[in-house]
């Protein structure tokens, strides 16, 4: 039996696909009673919020590059303005590019730019979200942070522009 999250607000990153872990996480939190502020770099985050709303879940969509600390601070403030609080931070955003467009590469052959991109998209995003949201949790004396990770991910099927580099 799941506990009720009535009156709680979850900030969930990496929600731009109806078949994603991020969307499923936001849906489950919403079904348990939480309002959800969902965030992604891709505009499809708005479609995901609409799908959650159709299920009776209070949802707001926020589009931002989570590797940009100023953008993260802005969407965190927008979510706080909309929902009044953030009780749960789910750091789900991340990316492992696989497939013919980005073949696996041995560390010895990897460029520093590719290394930096991987660190930014998979770790800096979590740092930026924690940095923006933890002060509000600390001020209220309550909050939960969930950091997700994976050893792989789906092929990058959408166009993504991160850190000045475009992935098609």
N, C-alpha and C. Protein backbone atom coordinates (compact mmCIF):
# COMPACT_ATOMS: atom_id res chain seq x y z
N UNK A 1 0.84 -1.17 0.00
CA UNK A 1 0.00 0.00 0.00
C UNK A 1 0.89 1.24 0.00
N UNK A 2 0.58 2.17 -0.90
CA UNK A 2 1.36 3.40 -1.00
C UNK A 2 0.83 4.44 -0.02
N UNK A 3 1.72 5.30 0.43
CA UNK A 3 1.31 6.36 1.35
C UNK A 3 0.74 7.54 0.56
N UNK A 4 -0.07 8.32 1.20
CA UNK A 4 -0.67 9.49 0.56
C UNK A 4 0.32 10.65 0.55
N UNK A 5 0.37 11.32 -0.57
CA UNK A 5 1.23 12.50 -0.71
C UNK A 5 0.38 13.76 -0.85
N UNK A 6 -0.85 13.71 -0.36
CA UNK A 6 -1.74 14.88 -0.44
C UNK A 6 -1.06 16.09 0.16
N UNK A 7 -1.12 17.22 -0.56
CA UNK A 7 -0.53 18.46 -0.09
C UNK A 7 0.96 18.60 -0.38
N UNK A 8 1.57 17.57 -0.92
CA UNK A 8 3.00 17.61 -1.24
C UNK A 8 3.18 18.01 -2.71
N UNK A 9 4.37 18.53 -3.01
CA UNK A 9 4.71 18.92 -4.38
C UNK A 9 6.03 18.25 -4.75
N UNK A 10 6.05 17.61 -5.92
CA UNK A 10 7.26 16.96 -6.42
C UNK A 10 7.76 17.71 -7.65
N UNK A 11 9.06 17.91 -7.72
CA UNK A 11 9.75 18.54 -8.85
C UNK A 11 10.50 17.39 -9.52
N UNK A 12 10.05 16.99 -10.70
CA UNK A 12 10.58 15.81 -11.37
C UNK A 12 11.24 16.22 -12.68
N UNK A 13 12.51 15.87 -12.85
CA UNK A 13 13.24 16.25 -14.07
C UNK A 13 13.26 15.08 -15.05
N UNK A 14 13.51 15.41 -16.32
CA UNK A 14 13.61 14.39 -17.35
C UNK A 14 12.26 13.81 -17.73
N UNK A 15 11.28 14.70 -17.98
CA UNK A 15 9.92 14.26 -18.29
C UNK A 15 9.48 14.86 -19.63
N UNK A 16 9.87 14.21 -20.73
CA UNK A 16 9.44 14.69 -22.05
C UNK A 16 9.01 13.54 -22.94
N UNK A 17 8.68 12.42 -22.34
CA UNK A 17 8.25 11.26 -23.11
C UNK A 17 7.25 10.48 -22.27
N UNK A 18 6.10 10.18 -22.86
CA UNK A 18 5.05 9.46 -22.13
C UNK A 18 5.47 8.04 -21.73
N UNK A 19 6.52 7.52 -22.35
CA UNK A 19 6.99 6.17 -22.05
C UNK A 19 8.29 6.19 -21.26
N UNK A 20 8.55 7.26 -20.53
CA UNK A 20 9.83 7.40 -19.83
C UNK A 20 9.69 7.11 -18.34
N UNK A 21 10.81 6.86 -17.71
CA UNK A 21 10.84 6.69 -16.25
C UNK A 21 10.41 7.99 -15.57
N UNK A 22 10.82 9.13 -16.12
CA UNK A 22 10.43 10.41 -15.54
C UNK A 22 8.93 10.59 -15.53
N UNK A 23 8.28 10.29 -16.66
CA UNK A 23 6.82 10.42 -16.72
C UNK A 23 6.16 9.44 -15.75
N UNK A 24 6.62 8.19 -15.74
CA UNK A 24 6.05 7.20 -14.83
C UNK A 24 6.20 7.63 -13.37
N UNK A 25 7.34 8.20 -13.04
CA UNK A 25 7.58 8.68 -11.67
C UNK A 25 6.61 9.80 -11.33
N UNK A 26 6.47 10.77 -12.23
CA UNK A 26 5.54 11.88 -12.00
C UNK A 26 4.11 11.37 -11.87
N UNK A 27 3.73 10.40 -12.70
CA UNK A 27 2.37 9.84 -12.66
C UNK A 27 2.10 9.16 -11.32
N UNK A 28 3.04 8.33 -10.86
CA UNK A 28 2.85 7.63 -9.59
C UNK A 28 2.77 8.62 -8.43
N UNK A 29 3.66 9.61 -8.42
CA UNK A 29 3.61 10.62 -7.36
C UNK A 29 2.27 11.37 -7.40
N UNK A 30 1.81 11.70 -8.61
CA UNK A 30 0.53 12.39 -8.76
C UNK A 30 -0.64 11.52 -8.35
N UNK A 31 -0.60 10.25 -8.70
CA UNK A 31 -1.68 9.33 -8.30
C UNK A 31 -1.73 9.16 -6.79
N UNK A 32 -0.60 9.35 -6.13
CA UNK A 32 -0.56 9.29 -4.67
C UNK A 32 -0.96 10.62 -4.02
N UNK A 33 -1.30 11.61 -4.85
CA UNK A 33 -1.82 12.87 -4.32
C UNK A 33 -0.93 14.08 -4.44
N UNK A 34 0.31 13.90 -4.86
CA UNK A 34 1.21 15.05 -4.98
C UNK A 34 0.89 15.85 -6.24
N UNK A 35 1.09 17.15 -6.16
CA UNK A 35 1.13 17.98 -7.35
C UNK A 35 2.53 17.80 -7.92
N UNK A 36 2.67 17.90 -9.25
CA UNK A 36 3.98 17.68 -9.84
C UNK A 36 4.37 18.85 -10.74
N UNK A 37 5.60 19.29 -10.58
CA UNK A 37 6.21 20.27 -11.48
C UNK A 37 7.22 19.46 -12.29
N UNK A 38 6.95 19.30 -13.58
CA UNK A 38 7.83 18.47 -14.40
C UNK A 38 8.71 19.36 -15.27
N UNK A 39 9.94 18.90 -15.49
CA UNK A 39 10.95 19.72 -16.14
C UNK A 39 11.69 18.90 -17.18
N UNK A 40 11.95 19.52 -18.33
CA UNK A 40 12.78 18.91 -19.35
C UNK A 40 13.28 19.99 -20.29
N UNK A 41 14.35 19.71 -21.02
CA UNK A 41 14.88 20.65 -22.01
C UNK A 41 13.99 20.68 -23.26
N UNK A 42 13.26 19.60 -23.50
CA UNK A 42 12.46 19.47 -24.71
C UNK A 42 11.04 20.01 -24.49
N UNK A 43 10.48 20.60 -25.53
CA UNK A 43 9.13 21.18 -25.45
C UNK A 43 8.04 20.13 -25.20
N UNK A 44 8.34 18.86 -25.40
CA UNK A 44 7.35 17.81 -25.15
C UNK A 44 6.98 17.71 -23.68
N UNK A 45 7.69 18.41 -22.81
CA UNK A 45 7.34 18.43 -21.40
C UNK A 45 5.92 18.96 -21.22
N UNK A 46 5.48 19.86 -22.12
CA UNK A 46 4.13 20.42 -22.04
C UNK A 46 3.07 19.35 -22.36
N UNK A 47 3.36 18.48 -23.33
CA UNK A 47 2.46 17.38 -23.66
C UNK A 47 2.35 16.41 -22.47
N UNK A 48 3.45 16.19 -21.81
CA UNK A 48 3.44 15.29 -20.64
C UNK A 48 2.62 15.89 -19.51
N UNK A 49 2.73 17.19 -19.29
CA UNK A 49 1.92 17.84 -18.25
C UNK A 49 0.45 17.74 -18.59
N UNK A 50 0.10 17.92 -19.86
CA UNK A 50 -1.29 17.80 -20.28
C UNK A 50 -1.81 16.38 -20.04
N UNK A 51 -0.98 15.38 -20.34
CA UNK A 51 -1.38 13.98 -20.12
C UNK A 51 -1.59 13.70 -18.64
N UNK A 52 -0.75 14.27 -17.79
CA UNK A 52 -0.93 14.11 -16.35
C UNK A 52 -2.21 14.80 -15.88
N UNK A 53 -2.45 16.00 -16.39
CA UNK A 53 -3.66 16.74 -16.03
C UNK A 53 -4.91 15.97 -16.43
N UNK A 54 -4.86 15.32 -17.60
CA UNK A 54 -6.00 14.51 -18.06
C UNK A 54 -6.30 13.36 -17.10
N UNK A 55 -5.30 12.94 -16.35
CA UNK A 55 -5.47 11.87 -15.35
C UNK A 55 -5.92 12.44 -14.00
N UNK A 56 -6.16 13.74 -13.95
CA UNK A 56 -6.59 14.36 -12.70
C UNK A 56 -5.46 14.76 -11.78
N UNK A 57 -4.25 14.81 -12.30
CA UNK A 57 -3.07 15.17 -11.51
C UNK A 57 -2.77 16.64 -11.73
N UNK A 58 -2.55 17.38 -10.64
CA UNK A 58 -2.15 18.77 -10.77
C UNK A 58 -0.71 18.79 -11.26
N UNK A 59 -0.51 19.33 -12.47
CA UNK A 59 0.82 19.30 -13.07
C UNK A 59 1.14 20.62 -13.75
N UNK A 60 2.38 21.05 -13.60
CA UNK A 60 2.87 22.21 -14.33
C UNK A 60 4.12 21.79 -15.10
N UNK A 61 4.27 22.37 -16.30
CA UNK A 61 5.42 22.05 -17.16
C UNK A 61 6.41 23.20 -17.14
N UNK A 62 7.68 22.85 -17.09
CA UNK A 62 8.76 23.85 -17.07
C UNK A 62 9.86 23.36 -18.00
N UNK A 63 10.24 24.21 -18.95
CA UNK A 63 11.25 23.84 -19.94
C UNK A 63 12.54 24.57 -19.62
N UNK A 64 13.64 23.80 -19.50
CA UNK A 64 14.93 24.41 -19.19
C UNK A 64 16.07 23.45 -19.48
N UNK A 65 17.23 24.01 -19.76
CA UNK A 65 18.47 23.27 -19.86
C UNK A 65 19.02 23.15 -18.44
N UNK A 66 18.95 21.97 -17.87
CA UNK A 66 19.34 21.78 -16.48
C UNK A 66 20.84 21.83 -16.25
N UNK A 67 21.63 21.93 -17.32
CA UNK A 67 23.07 22.15 -17.13
C UNK A 67 23.38 23.62 -16.89
N UNK A 68 22.38 24.48 -17.03
CA UNK A 68 22.50 25.93 -16.85
C UNK A 68 21.92 26.31 -15.49
N UNK A 69 22.77 26.67 -14.54
CA UNK A 69 22.31 26.93 -13.17
C UNK A 69 21.29 28.07 -13.10
N UNK A 70 21.43 29.10 -13.92
CA UNK A 70 20.47 30.21 -13.91
C UNK A 70 19.10 29.73 -14.42
N UNK A 71 19.10 28.87 -15.42
CA UNK A 71 17.84 28.33 -15.94
C UNK A 71 17.16 27.45 -14.89
N UNK A 72 17.95 26.67 -14.17
CA UNK A 72 17.39 25.83 -13.11
C UNK A 72 16.81 26.68 -11.99
N UNK A 73 17.53 27.71 -11.59
CA UNK A 73 17.01 28.61 -10.55
C UNK A 73 15.69 29.23 -10.99
N UNK A 74 15.60 29.61 -12.26
CA UNK A 74 14.37 30.23 -12.77
C UNK A 74 13.19 29.25 -12.76
N UNK A 75 13.41 28.00 -13.20
CA UNK A 75 12.28 27.06 -13.20
C UNK A 75 11.92 26.62 -11.79
N UNK A 76 12.90 26.56 -10.89
CA UNK A 76 12.60 26.24 -9.50
C UNK A 76 11.72 27.35 -8.90
N UNK A 77 12.07 28.59 -9.16
CA UNK A 77 11.25 29.71 -8.67
C UNK A 77 9.86 29.71 -9.28
N UNK A 78 9.77 29.37 -10.57
CA UNK A 78 8.46 29.30 -11.23
C UNK A 78 7.61 28.19 -10.61
N UNK A 79 8.21 27.05 -10.32
CA UNK A 79 7.48 25.96 -9.69
C UNK A 79 7.04 26.34 -8.28
N UNK A 80 7.91 27.00 -7.54
CA UNK A 80 7.55 27.46 -6.20
C UNK A 80 6.43 28.49 -6.25
N UNK A 81 6.48 29.39 -7.22
CA UNK A 81 5.42 30.40 -7.37
C UNK A 81 4.09 29.73 -7.71
N UNK A 82 4.14 28.72 -8.54
CA UNK A 82 2.91 28.02 -8.96
C UNK A 82 2.34 27.14 -7.86
N UNK A 83 3.21 26.39 -7.17
CA UNK A 83 2.73 25.38 -6.23
C UNK A 83 2.93 25.74 -4.76
N UNK A 84 3.74 26.77 -4.48
CA UNK A 84 3.91 27.22 -3.10
C UNK A 84 4.99 26.50 -2.31
N UNK A 85 5.44 25.38 -2.79
CA UNK A 85 6.45 24.61 -2.06
C UNK A 85 6.98 23.50 -2.96
N UNK A 86 8.11 22.92 -2.59
CA UNK A 86 8.61 21.70 -3.22
C UNK A 86 9.05 20.78 -2.08
N UNK A 87 8.41 19.62 -2.00
CA UNK A 87 8.69 18.66 -0.94
C UNK A 87 9.60 17.52 -1.40
N UNK A 88 9.52 17.22 -2.70
CA UNK A 88 10.24 16.08 -3.25
C UNK A 88 10.96 16.53 -4.51
N UNK A 89 12.24 16.29 -4.57
CA UNK A 89 13.02 16.54 -5.78
C UNK A 89 13.43 15.20 -6.36
N UNK A 90 13.02 14.93 -7.60
CA UNK A 90 13.43 13.71 -8.29
C UNK A 90 14.36 14.10 -9.43
N UNK A 91 15.65 13.87 -9.23
CA UNK A 91 16.66 14.13 -10.25
C UNK A 91 16.73 12.92 -11.16
N UNK A 92 15.96 12.96 -12.23
CA UNK A 92 15.88 11.86 -13.17
C UNK A 92 16.55 12.18 -14.50
N UNK A 93 16.74 13.46 -14.80
CA UNK A 93 17.30 13.85 -16.10
C UNK A 93 18.69 13.28 -16.27
N UNK A 94 18.97 12.83 -17.45
CA UNK A 94 20.27 12.28 -17.79
C UNK A 94 20.17 11.70 -19.18
N UNK A 95 21.29 11.32 -19.72
CA UNK A 95 21.28 10.85 -21.10
C UNK A 95 22.49 9.99 -21.36
N UNK A 96 22.25 8.86 -21.96
CA UNK A 96 23.33 8.02 -22.46
C UNK A 96 23.07 7.84 -23.94
N UNK A 97 23.89 8.45 -24.76
CA UNK A 97 23.69 8.36 -26.19
C UNK A 97 24.23 7.04 -26.70
N UNK A 98 23.37 6.28 -27.37
CA UNK A 98 23.77 5.00 -27.94
C UNK A 98 23.24 4.91 -29.36
N UNK A 99 23.73 3.95 -30.08
CA UNK A 99 23.23 3.76 -31.44
C UNK A 99 24.20 4.28 -32.48
N UNK A 100 23.77 4.30 -33.72
CA UNK A 100 24.69 4.65 -34.82
C UNK A 100 25.16 6.10 -34.79
N UNK A 101 24.41 6.99 -34.17
CA UNK A 101 24.82 8.39 -34.14
C UNK A 101 25.91 8.66 -33.12
N UNK A 102 25.97 7.90 -32.06
CA UNK A 102 26.97 8.07 -31.00
C UNK A 102 27.45 6.69 -30.57
N UNK A 103 28.35 6.08 -31.32
CA UNK A 103 28.80 4.75 -30.94
C UNK A 103 29.59 4.78 -29.63
N UNK A 104 29.61 3.63 -28.99
CA UNK A 104 30.39 3.49 -27.77
C UNK A 104 31.83 3.87 -28.07
N UNK A 105 32.45 4.50 -27.09
CA UNK A 105 33.83 4.95 -27.28
C UNK A 105 34.65 4.60 -26.05
N UNK A 106 35.80 3.99 -26.26
CA UNK A 106 36.70 3.70 -25.16
C UNK A 106 37.20 5.00 -24.54
N UNK A 107 37.45 4.98 -23.25
CA UNK A 107 37.95 6.16 -22.56
C UNK A 107 39.21 6.72 -23.21
N UNK A 108 40.10 5.88 -23.62
CA UNK A 108 41.35 6.36 -24.21
C UNK A 108 41.13 7.10 -25.52
N UNK A 109 40.01 6.86 -26.18
CA UNK A 109 39.69 7.54 -27.44
C UNK A 109 38.73 8.72 -27.26
N UNK A 110 38.18 8.86 -26.08
CA UNK A 110 37.18 9.89 -25.83
C UNK A 110 37.82 11.27 -25.74
N UNK A 111 37.14 12.26 -26.32
CA UNK A 111 37.63 13.63 -26.20
C UNK A 111 37.21 14.21 -24.86
N UNK A 112 37.91 15.22 -24.43
CA UNK A 112 37.55 15.89 -23.19
C UNK A 112 36.16 16.51 -23.31
N UNK A 113 35.82 17.03 -24.49
CA UNK A 113 34.50 17.63 -24.69
C UNK A 113 33.38 16.61 -24.49
N UNK A 114 33.56 15.39 -24.98
CA UNK A 114 32.55 14.35 -24.78
C UNK A 114 32.45 13.95 -23.31
N UNK A 115 33.59 13.88 -22.65
CA UNK A 115 33.60 13.59 -21.21
C UNK A 115 32.84 14.69 -20.46
N UNK A 116 33.16 15.95 -20.74
CA UNK A 116 32.50 17.08 -20.08
C UNK A 116 31.00 17.07 -20.32
N UNK A 117 30.58 16.73 -21.55
CA UNK A 117 29.16 16.66 -21.85
C UNK A 117 28.47 15.60 -20.99
N UNK A 118 29.08 14.42 -20.89
CA UNK A 118 28.50 13.35 -20.08
C UNK A 118 28.38 13.73 -18.62
N UNK A 119 29.41 14.37 -18.10
CA UNK A 119 29.37 14.82 -16.70
C UNK A 119 28.30 15.88 -16.51
N UNK A 120 28.21 16.81 -17.44
CA UNK A 120 27.22 17.89 -17.32
C UNK A 120 25.80 17.35 -17.36
N UNK A 121 25.49 16.51 -18.32
CA UNK A 121 24.12 16.05 -18.51
C UNK A 121 23.69 15.05 -17.43
N UNK A 122 24.64 14.32 -16.87
CA UNK A 122 24.28 13.30 -15.89
C UNK A 122 24.56 13.67 -14.44
N UNK A 123 25.46 14.60 -14.19
CA UNK A 123 25.78 14.97 -12.81
C UNK A 123 25.52 16.44 -12.50
N UNK A 124 25.93 17.33 -13.39
CA UNK A 124 25.74 18.75 -13.13
C UNK A 124 24.26 19.10 -13.02
N UNK A 125 23.42 18.41 -13.79
CA UNK A 125 21.99 18.64 -13.70
C UNK A 125 21.48 18.39 -12.28
N UNK A 126 21.96 17.31 -11.67
CA UNK A 126 21.54 16.99 -10.30
C UNK A 126 22.07 18.02 -9.31
N UNK A 127 23.33 18.42 -9.48
CA UNK A 127 23.91 19.45 -8.63
C UNK A 127 23.09 20.74 -8.72
N UNK A 128 22.79 21.18 -9.95
CA UNK A 128 22.05 22.43 -10.13
C UNK A 128 20.66 22.38 -9.51
N UNK A 129 19.98 21.25 -9.66
CA UNK A 129 18.64 21.14 -9.07
C UNK A 129 18.71 21.13 -7.55
N UNK A 130 19.64 20.38 -6.99
CA UNK A 130 19.80 20.37 -5.52
C UNK A 130 20.13 21.77 -5.01
N UNK A 131 21.04 22.44 -5.69
CA UNK A 131 21.46 23.79 -5.28
C UNK A 131 20.29 24.76 -5.29
N UNK A 132 19.38 24.63 -6.27
CA UNK A 132 18.25 25.55 -6.38
C UNK A 132 17.11 25.21 -5.41
N UNK A 133 16.93 23.95 -5.10
CA UNK A 133 15.75 23.54 -4.33
C UNK A 133 16.03 23.26 -2.86
N UNK A 134 17.22 22.76 -2.53
CA UNK A 134 17.53 22.44 -1.13
C UNK A 134 17.34 23.61 -0.16
N UNK A 135 17.70 24.85 -0.52
CA UNK A 135 17.48 25.93 0.45
C UNK A 135 16.02 26.08 0.89
N UNK A 136 15.09 25.81 -0.01
CA UNK A 136 13.66 25.89 0.34
C UNK A 136 13.27 24.74 1.26
N UNK A 137 13.82 23.56 1.02
CA UNK A 137 13.54 22.42 1.88
C UNK A 137 14.15 22.64 3.27
N UNK A 138 15.37 23.14 3.29
CA UNK A 138 16.04 23.39 4.57
C UNK A 138 15.28 24.45 5.38
N UNK A 139 14.82 25.50 4.70
CA UNK A 139 14.07 26.55 5.40
C UNK A 139 12.78 26.01 6.02
N UNK A 140 12.15 25.04 5.37
CA UNK A 140 10.93 24.44 5.89
C UNK A 140 11.22 23.29 6.85
N UNK A 141 12.47 22.84 6.89
CA UNK A 141 12.84 21.75 7.79
C UNK A 141 12.38 20.39 7.30
N UNK A 142 12.13 20.26 5.98
CA UNK A 142 11.62 19.00 5.47
C UNK A 142 11.84 18.91 3.97
N UNK A 143 12.00 17.69 3.49
CA UNK A 143 12.13 17.46 2.05
C UNK A 143 12.83 16.15 1.77
N UNK A 144 12.65 15.69 0.54
CA UNK A 144 13.27 14.44 0.11
C UNK A 144 13.90 14.66 -1.26
N UNK A 145 15.08 14.08 -1.46
CA UNK A 145 15.77 14.15 -2.75
C UNK A 145 16.01 12.73 -3.22
N UNK A 146 15.61 12.46 -4.46
CA UNK A 146 15.81 11.15 -5.07
C UNK A 146 16.66 11.36 -6.31
N UNK A 147 17.84 10.75 -6.34
CA UNK A 147 18.74 10.84 -7.49
C UNK A 147 18.71 9.51 -8.22
N UNK A 148 18.38 9.57 -9.50
CA UNK A 148 18.34 8.37 -10.33
C UNK A 148 19.58 8.32 -11.20
N UNK A 149 19.97 7.11 -11.56
CA UNK A 149 21.07 6.94 -12.49
C UNK A 149 20.85 5.65 -13.27
N UNK A 150 21.60 5.51 -14.32
CA UNK A 150 21.48 4.34 -15.17
C UNK A 150 22.82 4.09 -15.84
N UNK A 151 23.04 2.86 -16.24
CA UNK A 151 24.27 2.55 -16.95
C UNK A 151 24.09 2.73 -18.45
N UNK A 152 22.86 2.88 -18.89
CA UNK A 152 22.59 3.08 -20.31
C UNK A 152 21.26 3.80 -20.47
N UNK A 153 20.89 4.09 -21.68
CA UNK A 153 19.63 4.77 -21.94
C UNK A 153 19.19 4.49 -23.35
N UNK A 154 18.03 4.99 -23.71
CA UNK A 154 17.51 4.76 -25.06
C UNK A 154 18.29 5.59 -26.08
N UNK A 155 18.18 5.25 -27.35
CA UNK A 155 18.80 6.10 -28.36
C UNK A 155 18.24 7.51 -28.28
N UNK A 156 19.07 8.47 -28.55
CA UNK A 156 18.63 9.86 -28.52
C UNK A 156 17.78 10.11 -29.76
N UNK A 157 16.45 10.07 -29.59
CA UNK A 157 15.54 10.20 -30.71
C UNK A 157 15.05 11.62 -30.91
N UNK A 158 15.44 12.51 -30.04
CA UNK A 158 14.97 13.88 -30.19
C UNK A 158 16.15 14.81 -30.32
N UNK A 159 15.89 15.93 -30.91
CA UNK A 159 16.93 16.93 -31.07
C UNK A 159 17.16 17.61 -29.74
N UNK A 160 18.40 17.67 -29.30
CA UNK A 160 18.72 18.24 -28.00
C UNK A 160 19.93 19.15 -28.15
N UNK A 161 19.84 20.33 -27.58
CA UNK A 161 20.94 21.29 -27.61
C UNK A 161 21.38 21.52 -26.17
N UNK A 162 22.54 21.04 -25.84
CA UNK A 162 23.05 21.14 -24.48
C UNK A 162 24.48 21.66 -24.53
N UNK A 163 24.73 22.68 -23.77
CA UNK A 163 26.08 23.22 -23.66
C UNK A 163 26.65 23.65 -25.01
N UNK A 164 25.82 24.15 -25.89
CA UNK A 164 26.27 24.62 -27.18
C UNK A 164 26.50 23.52 -28.21
N UNK A 165 26.19 22.29 -27.85
CA UNK A 165 26.35 21.16 -28.77
C UNK A 165 24.98 20.59 -29.12
N UNK A 166 24.69 20.41 -30.38
CA UNK A 166 23.39 19.95 -30.84
C UNK A 166 23.44 18.45 -31.13
N UNK A 167 22.49 17.72 -30.57
CA UNK A 167 22.35 16.29 -30.81
C UNK A 167 21.03 16.06 -31.53
N UNK A 168 21.09 15.49 -32.70
CA UNK A 168 19.89 15.23 -33.51
C UNK A 168 19.45 13.80 -33.34
